[in-house]
Amino acid sequence: MHTLDADDSAREKRRKNTGKITLAEVAKLVGVSTMTVSRALRMPEKVNPELRTPY
């Protein structure tokens, strides 16, 4: 499980104000690049099927 460090804590506080989760946060939690998350959402056929499988 992921734990929040100081930078994450500041991001979390900003996110709570908007209620939105960023691509960078998703990427960090899943262990992939921000670009991979973007591709998975916009062009899933370009992403390895193993990465597209929900946890």
N, C-alpha and C. Protein backbone atom coordinates (compact mmCIF):
# COMPACT_ATOMS: atom_id res chain seq x y z
N MET A 1 0.83 -1.18 0.00
CA MET A 1 0.00 0.00 0.00
C MET A 1 0.87 1.24 0.00
N HIS A 2 0.41 2.26 -0.65
CA HIS A 2 1.15 3.51 -0.79
C HIS A 2 0.97 4.37 0.45
N THR A 3 2.05 5.00 0.91
CA THR A 3 1.94 5.97 2.00
C THR A 3 2.28 7.34 1.47
N LEU A 4 1.68 8.34 2.06
CA LEU A 4 1.90 9.71 1.60
C LEU A 4 3.15 10.29 2.24
N ASP A 5 4.02 10.88 1.42
CA ASP A 5 5.16 11.61 1.96
C ASP A 5 4.78 13.09 1.98
N ALA A 6 5.71 13.99 2.28
CA ALA A 6 5.41 15.42 2.41
C ALA A 6 4.84 16.01 1.12
N ASP A 7 5.45 15.68 -0.04
CA ASP A 7 4.94 16.20 -1.31
C ASP A 7 3.54 15.68 -1.59
N ASP A 8 3.32 14.40 -1.33
CA ASP A 8 2.00 13.81 -1.55
C ASP A 8 0.97 14.46 -0.64
N SER A 9 1.36 14.76 0.58
CA SER A 9 0.44 15.36 1.53
C SER A 9 -0.03 16.72 1.03
N ALA A 10 0.88 17.52 0.49
CA ALA A 10 0.51 18.83 -0.05
C ALA A 10 -0.42 18.66 -1.25
N ARG A 11 -0.12 17.70 -2.12
CA ARG A 11 -0.99 17.42 -3.27
C ARG A 11 -2.37 16.98 -2.81
N GLU A 12 -2.39 16.14 -1.80
CA GLU A 12 -3.66 15.63 -1.27
C GLU A 12 -4.52 16.79 -0.75
N LYS A 13 -3.91 17.73 -0.05
CA LYS A 13 -4.66 18.88 0.45
C LYS A 13 -5.23 19.71 -0.69
N ARG A 14 -4.44 19.93 -1.74
CA ARG A 14 -4.94 20.68 -2.90
C ARG A 14 -6.05 19.92 -3.59
N ARG A 15 -5.90 18.61 -3.73
CA ARG A 15 -6.90 17.80 -4.40
C ARG A 15 -8.21 17.82 -3.64
N LYS A 16 -8.15 17.82 -2.32
CA LYS A 16 -9.38 17.84 -1.53
C LYS A 16 -10.20 19.08 -1.82
N ASN A 17 -9.52 20.17 -2.17
CA ASN A 17 -10.24 21.40 -2.48
C ASN A 17 -11.05 21.25 -3.76
N THR A 18 -10.56 20.47 -4.71
CA THR A 18 -11.26 20.32 -5.99
C THR A 18 -12.00 18.99 -6.09
N GLY A 19 -11.58 18.02 -5.31
CA GLY A 19 -12.20 16.70 -5.38
C GLY A 19 -11.73 15.88 -6.56
N LYS A 20 -10.73 16.37 -7.30
CA LYS A 20 -10.25 15.68 -8.49
C LYS A 20 -8.95 14.94 -8.20
N ILE A 21 -8.78 13.80 -8.84
CA ILE A 21 -7.55 13.03 -8.74
C ILE A 21 -6.76 13.26 -10.02
N THR A 22 -5.46 13.46 -9.91
CA THR A 22 -4.63 13.75 -11.08
C THR A 22 -4.09 12.47 -11.71
N LEU A 23 -3.70 12.59 -12.98
CA LEU A 23 -3.05 11.47 -13.67
C LEU A 23 -1.78 11.06 -12.92
N ALA A 24 -1.05 12.05 -12.43
CA ALA A 24 0.20 11.77 -11.71
C ALA A 24 -0.07 10.94 -10.45
N GLU A 25 -1.15 11.24 -9.74
CA GLU A 25 -1.49 10.47 -8.54
C GLU A 25 -1.84 9.03 -8.89
N VAL A 26 -2.62 8.85 -9.95
CA VAL A 26 -2.98 7.50 -10.39
C VAL A 26 -1.73 6.74 -10.79
N ALA A 27 -0.87 7.40 -11.59
CA ALA A 27 0.36 6.75 -12.06
C ALA A 27 1.23 6.30 -10.90
N LYS A 28 1.38 7.15 -9.91
CA LYS A 28 2.23 6.81 -8.77
C LYS A 28 1.65 5.62 -7.99
N LEU A 29 0.35 5.62 -7.78
CA LEU A 29 -0.28 4.53 -7.04
C LEU A 29 -0.20 3.20 -7.77
N VAL A 30 -0.30 3.24 -9.11
CA VAL A 30 -0.30 2.02 -9.91
C VAL A 30 1.13 1.59 -10.25
N GLY A 31 2.07 2.53 -10.23
CA GLY A 31 3.46 2.20 -10.53
C GLY A 31 3.80 2.28 -12.00
N VAL A 32 3.14 3.20 -12.72
CA VAL A 32 3.42 3.41 -14.14
C VAL A 32 3.65 4.90 -14.36
N SER A 33 4.00 5.27 -15.59
CA SER A 33 4.22 6.67 -15.90
C SER A 33 2.89 7.39 -16.10
N THR A 34 2.93 8.70 -15.98
CA THR A 34 1.75 9.53 -16.23
C THR A 34 1.28 9.33 -17.67
N MET A 35 2.20 9.20 -18.60
CA MET A 35 1.84 8.99 -20.01
C MET A 35 1.09 7.67 -20.19
N THR A 36 1.49 6.63 -19.47
CA THR A 36 0.79 5.35 -19.57
C THR A 36 -0.66 5.48 -19.09
N VAL A 37 -0.87 6.21 -18.02
CA VAL A 37 -2.24 6.44 -17.53
C VAL A 37 -3.04 7.19 -18.58
N SER A 38 -2.44 8.22 -19.15
CA SER A 38 -3.11 9.00 -20.19
C SER A 38 -3.49 8.12 -21.38
N ARG A 39 -2.54 7.30 -21.82
CA ARG A 39 -2.82 6.40 -22.95
C ARG A 39 -3.91 5.39 -22.60
N ALA A 40 -3.89 4.87 -21.40
CA ALA A 40 -4.89 3.89 -20.99
C ALA A 40 -6.29 4.48 -21.05
N LEU A 41 -6.41 5.75 -20.77
CA LEU A 41 -7.71 6.41 -20.82
C LEU A 41 -8.11 6.82 -22.23
N ARG A 42 -7.14 7.28 -23.01
CA ARG A 42 -7.45 7.82 -24.33
C ARG A 42 -7.30 6.84 -25.48
N MET A 43 -6.33 5.93 -25.37
CA MET A 43 -6.05 4.95 -26.43
C MET A 43 -5.71 3.60 -25.80
N PRO A 44 -6.67 2.95 -25.15
CA PRO A 44 -6.36 1.72 -24.41
C PRO A 44 -5.74 0.62 -25.26
N GLU A 45 -6.02 0.62 -26.55
CA GLU A 45 -5.44 -0.41 -27.42
C GLU A 45 -3.93 -0.28 -27.53
N LYS A 46 -3.36 0.85 -27.15
CA LYS A 46 -1.91 1.07 -27.22
C LYS A 46 -1.20 0.70 -25.92
N VAL A 47 -1.96 0.23 -24.93
CA VAL A 47 -1.39 -0.10 -23.62
C VAL A 47 -1.44 -1.62 -23.44
N ASN A 48 -0.39 -2.16 -22.86
CA ASN A 48 -0.30 -3.59 -22.59
C ASN A 48 -1.58 -4.05 -21.87
N PRO A 49 -2.22 -5.11 -22.37
CA PRO A 49 -3.47 -5.59 -21.75
C PRO A 49 -3.35 -5.88 -20.26
N GLU A 50 -2.18 -6.32 -19.81
CA GLU A 50 -1.99 -6.59 -18.38
C GLU A 50 -2.11 -5.31 -17.55
N LEU A 51 -1.71 -4.18 -18.11
CA LEU A 51 -1.82 -2.91 -17.40
C LEU A 51 -3.25 -2.38 -17.41
N ARG A 52 -4.02 -2.77 -18.39
CA ARG A 52 -5.40 -2.30 -18.49
C ARG A 52 -6.35 -3.06 -17.57
N THR A 53 -5.92 -4.20 -17.07
CA THR A 53 -6.77 -5.02 -16.22
C THR A 53 -6.94 -4.34 -14.87
N PRO A 54 -8.18 -4.15 -14.44
CA PRO A 54 -8.41 -3.52 -13.13
C PRO A 54 -7.83 -4.37 -12.00
N TYR A 55 -7.46 -3.72 -10.94
CA TYR A 55 -6.93 -4.41 -9.76
C TYR A 55 -8.03 -5.10 -9.02
